Amino acid sequence: SRALTMINRESEAISTLQKLISEYP
């Protein structure tokens, strides 16, 4: 998610963080 943010792919970063929160609450 940090790497995606650095190349301005914020929507993919959000999806990745949502997956993190969902699978590792």
mmCIF file of all heavy atoms, coordinates in Angstrom:
data_MODEL
# 
_entry.id   MODEL 
# 
loop_
_atom_site.group_PDB 
_atom_site.id 
_atom_site.type_symbol 
_atom_site.label_atom_id 
_atom_site.label_alt_id 
_atom_site.label_comp_id 
_atom_site.label_asym_id 
_atom_site.label_entity_id 
_atom_site.label_seq_id 
_atom_site.pdbx_PDB_ins_code 
_atom_site.Cartn_x 
_atom_site.Cartn_y 
_atom_site.Cartn_z 
_atom_site.occupancy 
_atom_site.B_iso_or_equiv 
_atom_site.pdbx_formal_charge 
_atom_site.auth_seq_id 
_atom_site.auth_comp_id 
_atom_site.auth_asym_id 
_atom_site.auth_atom_id 
_atom_site.pdbx_PDB_model_num 
ATOM 1   N N   . SER A 1 1  ? 0.835   -1.214  0.000   1.00 0.00 ? 1  SER A N   1 
ATOM 2   C CA  . SER A 1 1  ? 0.000   0.000   0.000   1.00 0.00 ? 1  SER A CA  1 
ATOM 3   C C   . SER A 1 1  ? 0.862   1.255   0.000   1.00 0.00 ? 1  SER A C   1 
ATOM 4   O O   . SER A 1 1  ? 0.542   2.245   -0.660  1.00 0.00 ? 1  SER A O   1 
ATOM 5   C CB  . SER A 1 1  ? -0.944  -0.003  1.212   1.00 0.00 ? 1  SER A CB  1 
ATOM 6   O OG  . SER A 1 1  ? -0.256  0.298   2.406   1.00 0.00 ? 1  SER A OG  1 
ATOM 7   N N   . ARG A 1 2  ? 1.991   1.230   0.735   1.00 0.00 ? 2  ARG A N   1 
ATOM 8   C CA  . ARG A 1 2  ? 2.884   2.387   0.760   1.00 0.00 ? 2  ARG A CA  1 
ATOM 9   C C   . ARG A 1 2  ? 3.497   2.624   -0.620  1.00 0.00 ? 2  ARG A C   1 
ATOM 10  O O   . ARG A 1 2  ? 3.593   3.755   -1.085  1.00 0.00 ? 2  ARG A O   1 
ATOM 11  C CB  . ARG A 1 2  ? 4.010   2.152   1.791   1.00 0.00 ? 2  ARG A CB  1 
ATOM 12  C CG  . ARG A 1 2  ? 3.547   1.958   3.213   1.00 0.00 ? 2  ARG A CG  1 
ATOM 13  C CD  . ARG A 1 2  ? 3.262   3.242   3.931   1.00 0.00 ? 2  ARG A CD  1 
ATOM 14  N NE  . ARG A 1 2  ? 4.466   3.968   4.285   1.00 0.00 ? 2  ARG A NE  1 
ATOM 15  C CZ  . ARG A 1 2  ? 4.545   4.832   5.294   1.00 0.00 ? 2  ARG A CZ  1 
ATOM 16  N NH1 . ARG A 1 2  ? 3.490   5.057   6.058   1.00 0.00 ? 2  ARG A NH1 1 
ATOM 17  N NH2 . ARG A 1 2  ? 5.647   5.488   5.544   1.00 0.00 ? 2  ARG A NH2 1 
ATOM 18  N N   . ALA A 1 3  ? 3.903   1.522   -1.279  1.00 0.00 ? 3  ALA A N   1 
ATOM 19  C CA  . ALA A 1 3  ? 4.513   1.648   -2.605  1.00 0.00 ? 3  ALA A CA  1 
ATOM 20  C C   . ALA A 1 3  ? 3.498   2.162   -3.623  1.00 0.00 ? 3  ALA A C   1 
ATOM 21  O O   . ALA A 1 3  ? 3.821   3.008   -4.470  1.00 0.00 ? 3  ALA A O   1 
ATOM 22  C CB  . ALA A 1 3  ? 5.077   0.304   -3.047  1.00 0.00 ? 3  ALA A CB  1 
ATOM 23  N N   . LEU A 1 4  ? 2.273   1.673   -3.546  1.00 0.00 ? 4  LEU A N   1 
ATOM 24  C CA  . LEU A 1 4  ? 1.227   2.138   -4.468  1.00 0.00 ? 4  LEU A CA  1 
ATOM 25  C C   . LEU A 1 4  ? 0.965   3.625   -4.282  1.00 0.00 ? 4  LEU A C   1 
ATOM 26  O O   . LEU A 1 4  ? 0.755   4.364   -5.252  1.00 0.00 ? 4  LEU A O   1 
ATOM 27  C CB  . LEU A 1 4  ? -0.060  1.329   -4.254  1.00 0.00 ? 4  LEU A CB  1 
ATOM 28  C CG  . LEU A 1 4  ? -0.036  -0.117  -4.747  1.00 0.00 ? 4  LEU A CG  1 
ATOM 29  C CD1 . LEU A 1 4  ? -1.215  -0.903  -4.174  1.00 0.00 ? 4  LEU A CD1 1 
ATOM 30  C CD2 . LEU A 1 4  ? -0.079  -0.157  -6.288  1.00 0.00 ? 4  LEU A CD2 1 
ATOM 31  N N   . THR A 1 5  ? 0.976   4.070   -3.036  1.00 0.00 ? 5  THR A N   1 
ATOM 32  C CA  . THR A 1 5  ? 0.760   5.490   -2.757  1.00 0.00 ? 5  THR A CA  1 
ATOM 33  C C   . THR A 1 5  ? 1.866   6.343   -3.362  1.00 0.00 ? 5  THR A C   1 
ATOM 34  O O   . THR A 1 5  ? 1.609   7.438   -3.894  1.00 0.00 ? 5  THR A O   1 
ATOM 35  C CB  . THR A 1 5  ? 0.692   5.725   -1.239  1.00 0.00 ? 5  THR A CB  1 
ATOM 36  O OG1 . THR A 1 5  ? -0.376  4.954   -0.692  1.00 0.00 ? 5  THR A OG1 1 
ATOM 37  C CG2 . THR A 1 5  ? 0.455   7.191   -0.922  1.00 0.00 ? 5  THR A CG2 1 
ATOM 38  N N   . MET A 1 6  ? 3.099   5.836   -3.306  1.00 0.00 ? 6  MET A N   1 
ATOM 39  C CA  . MET A 1 6  ? 4.238   6.593   -3.814  1.00 0.00 ? 6  MET A CA  1 
ATOM 40  C C   . MET A 1 6  ? 4.195   6.789   -5.329  1.00 0.00 ? 6  MET A C   1 
ATOM 41  O O   . MET A 1 6  ? 4.818   7.708   -5.854  1.00 0.00 ? 6  MET A O   1 
ATOM 42  C CB  . MET A 1 6  ? 5.545   5.908   -3.417  1.00 0.00 ? 6  MET A CB  1 
ATOM 43  C CG  . MET A 1 6  ? 5.817   5.882   -1.917  1.00 0.00 ? 6  MET A CG  1 
ATOM 44  S SD  . MET A 1 6  ? 5.948   7.529   -1.175  1.00 0.00 ? 6  MET A SD  1 
ATOM 45  C CE  . MET A 1 6  ? 7.524   8.071   -1.845  1.00 0.00 ? 6  MET A CE  1 
ATOM 46  N N   . ILE A 1 7  ? 3.461   5.928   -6.043  1.00 0.00 ? 7  ILE A N   1 
ATOM 47  C CA  . ILE A 1 7  ? 3.346   6.093   -7.503  1.00 0.00 ? 7  ILE A CA  1 
ATOM 48  C C   . ILE A 1 7  ? 1.921   6.507   -7.878  1.00 0.00 ? 7  ILE A C   1 
ATOM 49  O O   . ILE A 1 7  ? 1.451   6.251   -8.990  1.00 0.00 ? 7  ILE A O   1 
ATOM 50  C CB  . ILE A 1 7  ? 3.783   4.819   -8.264  1.00 0.00 ? 7  ILE A CB  1 
ATOM 51  C CG1 . ILE A 1 7  ? 3.015   3.587   -7.790  1.00 0.00 ? 7  ILE A CG1 1 
ATOM 52  C CG2 . ILE A 1 7  ? 5.274   4.607   -8.117  1.00 0.00 ? 7  ILE A CG2 1 
ATOM 53  C CD1 . ILE A 1 7  ? 3.367   2.329   -8.580  1.00 0.00 ? 7  ILE A CD1 1 
ATOM 54  N N   . ASN A 1 8  ? 1.243   7.143   -6.906  1.00 0.00 ? 8  ASN A N   1 
ATOM 55  C CA  . ASN A 1 8  ? -0.059  7.780   -7.142  1.00 0.00 ? 8  ASN A CA  1 
ATOM 56  C C   . ASN A 1 8  ? -1.148  6.808   -7.582  1.00 0.00 ? 8  ASN A C   1 
ATOM 57  O O   . ASN A 1 8  ? -2.045  7.171   -8.345  1.00 0.00 ? 8  ASN A O   1 
ATOM 58  C CB  . ASN A 1 8  ? 0.088   8.910   -8.182  1.00 0.00 ? 8  ASN A CB  1 
ATOM 59  C CG  . ASN A 1 8  ? 1.055   9.984   -7.737  1.00 0.00 ? 8  ASN A CG  1 
ATOM 60  O OD1 . ASN A 1 8  ? 1.044   10.399  -6.571  1.00 0.00 ? 8  ASN A OD1 1 
ATOM 61  N ND2 . ASN A 1 8  ? 1.924   10.424  -8.634  1.00 0.00 ? 8  ASN A ND2 1 
ATOM 62  N N   . ARG A 1 9  ? -1.091  5.585   -7.067  1.00 0.00 ? 9  ARG A N   1 
ATOM 63  C CA  . ARG A 1 9  ? -2.151  4.610   -7.330  1.00 0.00 ? 9  ARG A CA  1 
ATOM 64  C C   . ARG A 1 9  ? -2.944  4.417   -6.040  1.00 0.00 ? 9  ARG A C   1 
ATOM 65  O O   . ARG A 1 9  ? -3.004  3.347   -5.457  1.00 0.00 ? 9  ARG A O   1 
ATOM 66  C CB  . ARG A 1 9  ? -1.549  3.306   -7.850  1.00 0.00 ? 9  ARG A CB  1 
ATOM 67  C CG  . ARG A 1 9  ? -0.994  3.439   -9.270  1.00 0.00 ? 9  ARG A CG  1 
ATOM 68  C CD  . ARG A 1 9  ? 0.009   2.367   -9.643  1.00 0.00 ? 9  ARG A CD  1 
ATOM 69  N NE  . ARG A 1 9  ? -0.531  1.021   -9.606  1.00 0.00 ? 9  ARG A NE  1 
ATOM 70  C CZ  . ARG A 1 9  ? 0.183   -0.074  -9.894  1.00 0.00 ? 9  ARG A CZ  1 
ATOM 71  N NH1 . ARG A 1 9  ? 1.460   0.054   -10.263 1.00 0.00 ? 9  ARG A NH1 1 
ATOM 72  N NH2 . ARG A 1 9  ? -0.358  -1.283  -9.821  1.00 0.00 ? 9  ARG A NH2 1 
ATOM 73  N N   . GLU A 1 10 ? -3.572  5.535   -5.619  1.00 0.00 ? 10 GLU A N   1 
ATOM 74  C CA  . GLU A 1 10 ? -4.211  5.558   -4.309  1.00 0.00 ? 10 GLU A CA  1 
ATOM 75  C C   . GLU A 1 10 ? -5.388  4.597   -4.187  1.00 0.00 ? 10 GLU A C   1 
ATOM 76  O O   . GLU A 1 10 ? -5.588  3.988   -3.145  1.00 0.00 ? 10 GLU A O   1 
ATOM 77  C CB  . GLU A 1 10 ? -4.673  6.983   -3.962  1.00 0.00 ? 10 GLU A CB  1 
ATOM 78  C CG  . GLU A 1 10 ? -3.560  7.932   -3.583  1.00 0.00 ? 10 GLU A CG  1 
ATOM 79  C CD  . GLU A 1 10 ? -2.923  8.621   -4.767  1.00 0.00 ? 10 GLU A CD  1 
ATOM 80  O OE1 . GLU A 1 10 ? -3.311  8.292   -5.911  1.00 0.00 ? 10 GLU A OE1 1 
ATOM 81  O OE2 . GLU A 1 10 ? -2.031  9.469   -4.571  1.00 0.00 ? 10 GLU A OE2 1 
ATOM 82  N N   . SER A 1 11 ? -6.175  4.458   -5.264  1.00 0.00 ? 11 SER A N   1 
ATOM 83  C CA  . SER A 1 11 ? -7.333  3.573   -5.168  1.00 0.00 ? 11 SER A CA  1 
ATOM 84  C C   . SER A 1 11 ? -6.904  2.129   -4.923  1.00 0.00 ? 11 SER A C   1 
ATOM 85  O O   . SER A 1 11 ? -7.532  1.401   -4.146  1.00 0.00 ? 11 SER A O   1 
ATOM 86  C CB  . SER A 1 11 ? -8.187  3.664   -6.437  1.00 0.00 ? 11 SER A CB  1 
ATOM 87  O OG  . SER A 1 11 ? -7.451  3.251   -7.575  1.00 0.00 ? 11 SER A OG  1 
ATOM 88  N N   . GLU A 1 12 ? -5.802  1.708   -5.564  1.00 0.00 ? 12 GLU A N   1 
ATOM 89  C CA  . GLU A 1 12 ? -5.286  0.361   -5.332  1.00 0.00 ? 12 GLU A CA  1 
ATOM 90  C C   . GLU A 1 12 ? -4.699  0.249   -3.922  1.00 0.00 ? 12 GLU A C   1 
ATOM 91  O O   . GLU A 1 12 ? -4.802  -0.805  -3.279  1.00 0.00 ? 12 GLU A O   1 
ATOM 92  C CB  . GLU A 1 12 ? -4.226  0.017   -6.369  1.00 0.00 ? 12 GLU A CB  1 
ATOM 93  C CG  . GLU A 1 12 ? -4.755  -0.127  -7.787  1.00 0.00 ? 12 GLU A CG  1 
ATOM 94  C CD  . GLU A 1 12 ? -3.629  -0.341  -8.790  1.00 0.00 ? 12 GLU A CD  1 
ATOM 95  O OE1 . GLU A 1 12 ? -3.066  -1.453  -8.823  1.00 0.00 ? 12 GLU A OE1 1 
ATOM 96  O OE2 . GLU A 1 12 ? -3.309  0.618   -9.529  1.00 0.00 ? 12 GLU A OE2 1 
ATOM 97  N N   . ALA A 1 13 ? -4.100  1.327   -3.449  1.00 0.00 ? 13 ALA A N   1 
ATOM 98  C CA  . ALA A 1 13 ? -3.558  1.332   -2.087  1.00 0.00 ? 13 ALA A CA  1 
ATOM 99  C C   . ALA A 1 13 ? -4.679  1.162   -1.076  1.00 0.00 ? 13 ALA A C   1 
ATOM 100 O O   . ALA A 1 13 ? -4.555  0.404   -0.097  1.00 0.00 ? 13 ALA A O   1 
ATOM 101 C CB  . ALA A 1 13 ? -2.795  2.631   -1.825  1.00 0.00 ? 13 ALA A CB  1 
ATOM 102 N N   . ILE A 1 14 ? -5.796  1.844   -1.303  1.00 0.00 ? 14 ILE A N   1 
ATOM 103 C CA  . ILE A 1 14 ? -6.950  1.726   -0.407  1.00 0.00 ? 14 ILE A CA  1 
ATOM 104 C C   . ILE A 1 14 ? -7.468  0.302   -0.395  1.00 0.00 ? 14 ILE A C   1 
ATOM 105 O O   . ILE A 1 14 ? -7.763  -0.275  0.662   1.00 0.00 ? 14 ILE A O   1 
ATOM 106 C CB  . ILE A 1 14 ? -8.052  2.722   -0.820  1.00 0.00 ? 14 ILE A CB  1 
ATOM 107 C CG1 . ILE A 1 14 ? -7.597  4.157   -0.503  1.00 0.00 ? 14 ILE A CG1 1 
ATOM 108 C CG2 . ILE A 1 14 ? -9.360  2.405   -0.093  1.00 0.00 ? 14 ILE A CG2 1 
ATOM 109 C CD1 . ILE A 1 14 ? -8.514  5.221   -1.064  1.00 0.00 ? 14 ILE A CD1 1 
ATOM 110 N N   . SER A 1 15 ? -7.587  -0.309  -1.580  1.00 0.00 ? 15 SER A N   1 
ATOM 111 C CA  . SER A 1 15 ? -8.066  -1.694  -1.662  1.00 0.00 ? 15 SER A CA  1 
ATOM 112 C C   . SER A 1 15 ? -7.138  -2.637  -0.914  1.00 0.00 ? 15 SER A C   1 
ATOM 113 O O   . SER A 1 15 ? -7.584  -3.576  -0.237  1.00 0.00 ? 15 SER A O   1 
ATOM 114 C CB  . SER A 1 15 ? -8.180  -2.128  -3.131  1.00 0.00 ? 15 SER A CB  1 
ATOM 115 O OG  . SER A 1 15 ? -9.129  -1.348  -3.817  1.00 0.00 ? 15 SER A OG  1 
ATOM 116 N N   . THR A 1 16 ? -5.838  -2.383  -1.032  1.00 0.00 ? 16 THR A N   1 
ATOM 117 C CA  . THR A 1 16 ? -4.853  -3.225  -0.342  1.00 0.00 ? 16 THR A CA  1 
ATOM 118 C C   . THR A 1 16 ? -4.979  -3.084  1.168   1.00 0.00 ? 16 THR A C   1 
ATOM 119 O O   . THR A 1 16 ? -4.933  -4.080  1.909   1.00 0.00 ? 16 THR A O   1 
ATOM 120 C CB  . THR A 1 16 ? -3.429  -2.850  -0.797  1.00 0.00 ? 16 THR A CB  1 
ATOM 121 O OG1 . THR A 1 16 ? -3.335  -2.996  -2.213  1.00 0.00 ? 16 THR A OG1 1 
ATOM 122 C CG2 . THR A 1 16 ? -2.389  -3.737  -0.127  1.00 0.00 ? 16 THR A CG2 1 
ATOM 123 N N   . LEU A 1 17 ? -5.183  -1.869  1.644   1.00 0.00 ? 17 LEU A N   1 
ATOM 124 C CA  . LEU A 1 17 ? -5.351  -1.645  3.077   1.00 0.00 ? 17 LEU A CA  1 
ATOM 125 C C   . LEU A 1 17 ? -6.660  -2.234  3.577   1.00 0.00 ? 17 LEU A C   1 
ATOM 126 O O   . LEU A 1 17 ? -6.736  -2.746  4.705   1.00 0.00 ? 17 LEU A O   1 
ATOM 127 C CB  . LEU A 1 17 ? -5.279  -0.150  3.391   1.00 0.00 ? 17 LEU A CB  1 
ATOM 128 C CG  . LEU A 1 17 ? -3.888  0.480   3.293   1.00 0.00 ? 17 LEU A CG  1 
ATOM 129 C CD1 . LEU A 1 17 ? -3.965  1.992   3.420   1.00 0.00 ? 17 LEU A CD1 1 
ATOM 130 C CD2 . LEU A 1 17 ? -2.963  -0.094  4.354   1.00 0.00 ? 17 LEU A CD2 1 
ATOM 131 N N   . GLN A 1 18 ? -7.704  -2.173  2.765   1.00 0.00 ? 18 GLN A N   1 
ATOM 132 C CA  . GLN A 1 18 ? -8.975  -2.790  3.148   1.00 0.00 ? 18 GLN A CA  1 
ATOM 133 C C   . GLN A 1 18 ? -8.826  -4.300  3.294   1.00 0.00 ? 18 GLN A C   1 
ATOM 134 O O   . GLN A 1 18 ? -9.391  -4.908  4.199   1.00 0.00 ? 18 GLN A O   1 
ATOM 135 C CB  . GLN A 1 18 ? -10.051 -2.449  2.116   1.00 0.00 ? 18 GLN A CB  1 
ATOM 136 C CG  . GLN A 1 18 ? -10.511 -0.992  2.185   1.00 0.00 ? 18 GLN A CG  1 
ATOM 137 C CD  . GLN A 1 18 ? -11.453 -0.608  1.060   1.00 0.00 ? 18 GLN A CD  1 
ATOM 138 O OE1 . GLN A 1 18 ? -11.418 -1.204  -0.023  1.00 0.00 ? 18 GLN A OE1 1 
ATOM 139 N NE2 . GLN A 1 18 ? -12.289 0.387   1.303   1.00 0.00 ? 18 GLN A NE2 1 
ATOM 140 N N   . LYS A 1 19 ? -8.035  -4.892  2.408   1.00 0.00 ? 19 LYS A N   1 
ATOM 141 C CA  . LYS A 1 19 ? -7.750  -6.328  2.501   1.00 0.00 ? 19 LYS A CA  1 
ATOM 142 C C   . LYS A 1 19 ? -6.978  -6.637  3.781   1.00 0.00 ? 19 LYS A C   1 
ATOM 143 O O   . LYS A 1 19 ? -7.270  -7.622  4.476   1.00 0.00 ? 19 LYS A O   1 
ATOM 144 C CB  . LYS A 1 19 ? -6.955  -6.778  1.274   1.00 0.00 ? 19 LYS A CB  1 
ATOM 145 C CG  . LYS A 1 19 ? -6.553  -8.254  1.260   1.00 0.00 ? 19 LYS A CG  1 
ATOM 146 C CD  . LYS A 1 19 ? -5.779  -8.572  -0.029  1.00 0.00 ? 19 LYS A CD  1 
ATOM 147 C CE  . LYS A 1 19 ? -5.236  -9.993  -0.029  1.00 0.00 ? 19 LYS A CE  1 
ATOM 148 N NZ  . LYS A 1 19 ? -6.325  -11.005 -0.051  1.00 0.00 ? 19 LYS A NZ  1 
ATOM 149 N N   . LEU A 1 20 ? -6.008  -5.776  4.097   1.00 0.00 ? 20 LEU A N   1 
ATOM 150 C CA  . LEU A 1 20 ? -5.228  -5.950  5.321   1.00 0.00 ? 20 LEU A CA  1 
ATOM 151 C C   . LEU A 1 20 ? -6.130  -5.911  6.554   1.00 0.00 ? 20 LEU A C   1 
ATOM 152 O O   . LEU A 1 20 ? -6.056  -6.775  7.432   1.00 0.00 ? 20 LEU A O   1 
ATOM 153 C CB  . LEU A 1 20 ? -4.151  -4.869  5.403   1.00 0.00 ? 20 LEU A CB  1 
ATOM 154 C CG  . LEU A 1 20 ? -3.357  -4.770  6.711   1.00 0.00 ? 20 LEU A CG  1 
ATOM 155 C CD1 . LEU A 1 20 ? -2.578  -6.047  6.974   1.00 0.00 ? 20 LEU A CD1 1 
ATOM 156 C CD2 . LEU A 1 20 ? -2.412  -3.582  6.675   1.00 0.00 ? 20 LEU A CD2 1 
ATOM 157 N N   . ILE A 1 21 ? -6.991  -4.904  6.612   1.00 0.00 ? 21 ILE A N   1 
ATOM 158 C CA  . ILE A 1 21 ? -7.880  -4.743  7.758   1.00 0.00 ? 21 ILE A CA  1 
ATOM 159 C C   . ILE A 1 21 ? -8.853  -5.904  7.857   1.00 0.00 ? 21 ILE A C   1 
ATOM 160 O O   . ILE A 1 21 ? -9.169  -6.408  8.951   1.00 0.00 ? 21 ILE A O   1 
ATOM 161 C CB  . ILE A 1 21 ? -8.644  -3.406  7.664   1.00 0.00 ? 21 ILE A CB  1 
ATOM 162 C CG1 . ILE A 1 21 ? -7.662  -2.231  7.822   1.00 0.00 ? 21 ILE A CG1 1 
ATOM 163 C CG2 . ILE A 1 21 ? -9.740  -3.317  8.718   1.00 0.00 ? 21 ILE A CG2 1 
ATOM 164 C CD1 . ILE A 1 21 ? -8.267  -0.894  7.454   1.00 0.00 ? 21 ILE A CD1 1 
ATOM 165 N N   . SER A 1 22 ? -9.347  -6.351  6.705   1.00 0.00 ? 22 SER A N   1 
ATOM 166 C CA  . SER A 1 22 ? -10.320 -7.448  6.691   1.00 0.00 ? 22 SER A CA  1 
ATOM 167 C C   . SER A 1 22 ? -9.708  -8.777  7.126   1.00 0.00 ? 22 SER A C   1 
ATOM 168 O O   . SER A 1 22 ? -10.299 -9.521  7.920   1.00 0.00 ? 22 SER A O   1 
ATOM 169 C CB  . SER A 1 22 ? -10.907 -7.588  5.273   1.00 0.00 ? 22 SER A CB  1 
ATOM 170 O OG  . SER A 1 22 ? -11.747 -8.733  5.187   1.00 0.00 ? 22 SER A OG  1 
ATOM 171 N N   . GLU A 1 23 ? -8.504  -9.070  6.621   1.00 0.00 ? 23 GLU A N   1 
ATOM 172 C CA  . GLU A 1 23 ? -7.904  -10.372 6.891   1.00 0.00 ? 23 GLU A CA  1 
ATOM 173 C C   . GLU A 1 23 ? -7.079  -10.407 8.175   1.00 0.00 ? 23 GLU A C   1 
ATOM 174 O O   . GLU A 1 23 ? -6.838  -11.481 8.737   1.00 0.00 ? 23 GLU A O   1 
ATOM 175 C CB  . GLU A 1 23 ? -7.023  -10.786 5.715   1.00 0.00 ? 23 GLU A CB  1 
ATOM 176 C CG  . GLU A 1 23 ? -7.825  -11.004 4.410   1.00 0.00 ? 23 GLU A CG  1 
ATOM 177 C CD  . GLU A 1 23 ? -6.967  -11.531 3.275   1.00 0.00 ? 23 GLU A CD  1 
ATOM 178 O OE1 . GLU A 1 23 ? -5.779  -11.823 3.516   1.00 0.00 ? 23 GLU A OE1 1 
ATOM 179 O OE2 . GLU A 1 23 ? -7.500  -11.640 2.152   1.00 0.00 ? 23 GLU A OE2 1 
ATOM 180 N N   . TYR A 1 24 ? -6.642  -9.211  8.619   1.00 0.00 ? 24 TYR A N   1 
ATOM 181 C CA  . TYR A 1 24 ? -5.825  -9.141  9.842   1.00 0.00 ? 24 TYR A CA  1 
ATOM 182 C C   . TYR A 1 24 ? -6.372  -8.057  10.767  1.00 0.00 ? 24 TYR A C   1 
ATOM 183 O O   . TYR A 1 24 ? -5.754  -7.008  10.954  1.00 0.00 ? 24 TYR A O   1 
ATOM 184 C CB  . TYR A 1 24 ? -4.352  -8.853  9.487   1.00 0.00 ? 24 TYR A CB  1 
ATOM 185 C CG  . TYR A 1 24 ? -3.723  -9.940  8.642   1.00 0.00 ? 24 TYR A CG  1 
ATOM 186 C CD1 . TYR A 1 24 ? -3.777  -9.881  7.242   1.00 0.00 ? 24 TYR A CD1 1 
ATOM 187 C CD2 . TYR A 1 24 ? -3.082  -11.018 9.233   1.00 0.00 ? 24 TYR A CD2 1 
ATOM 188 C CE1 . TYR A 1 24 ? -3.214  -10.883 6.468   1.00 0.00 ? 24 TYR A CE1 1 
ATOM 189 C CE2 . TYR A 1 24 ? -2.500  -12.024 8.456   1.00 0.00 ? 24 TYR A CE2 1 
ATOM 190 C CZ  . TYR A 1 24 ? -2.577  -11.951 7.068   1.00 0.00 ? 24 TYR A CZ  1 
ATOM 191 O OH  . TYR A 1 24 ? -2.016  -12.937 6.321   1.00 0.00 ? 24 TYR A OH  1 
ATOM 192 N N   . PRO A 1 25 ? -7.550  -8.276  11.316  1.00 0.00 ? 25 PRO A N   1 
ATOM 193 C CA  . PRO A 1 25 ? -8.201  -7.227  12.125  1.00 0.00 ? 25 PRO A CA  1 
ATOM 194 C C   . PRO A 1 25 ? -7.438  -6.838  13.387  1.00 0.00 ? 25 PRO A C   1 
ATOM 195 O O   . PRO A 1 25 ? -7.646  -5.757  13.925  1.00 0.00 ? 25 PRO A O   1 
ATOM 196 C CB  . PRO A 1 25 ? -9.554  -7.856  12.487  1.00 0.00 ? 25 PRO A CB  1 
ATOM 197 C CG  . PRO A 1 25 ? -9.322  -9.333  12.377  1.00 0.00 ? 25 PRO A CG  1 
ATOM 198 C CD  . PRO A 1 25 ? -8.348  -9.497  11.255  1.00 0.00 ? 25 PRO A CD  1 
# 
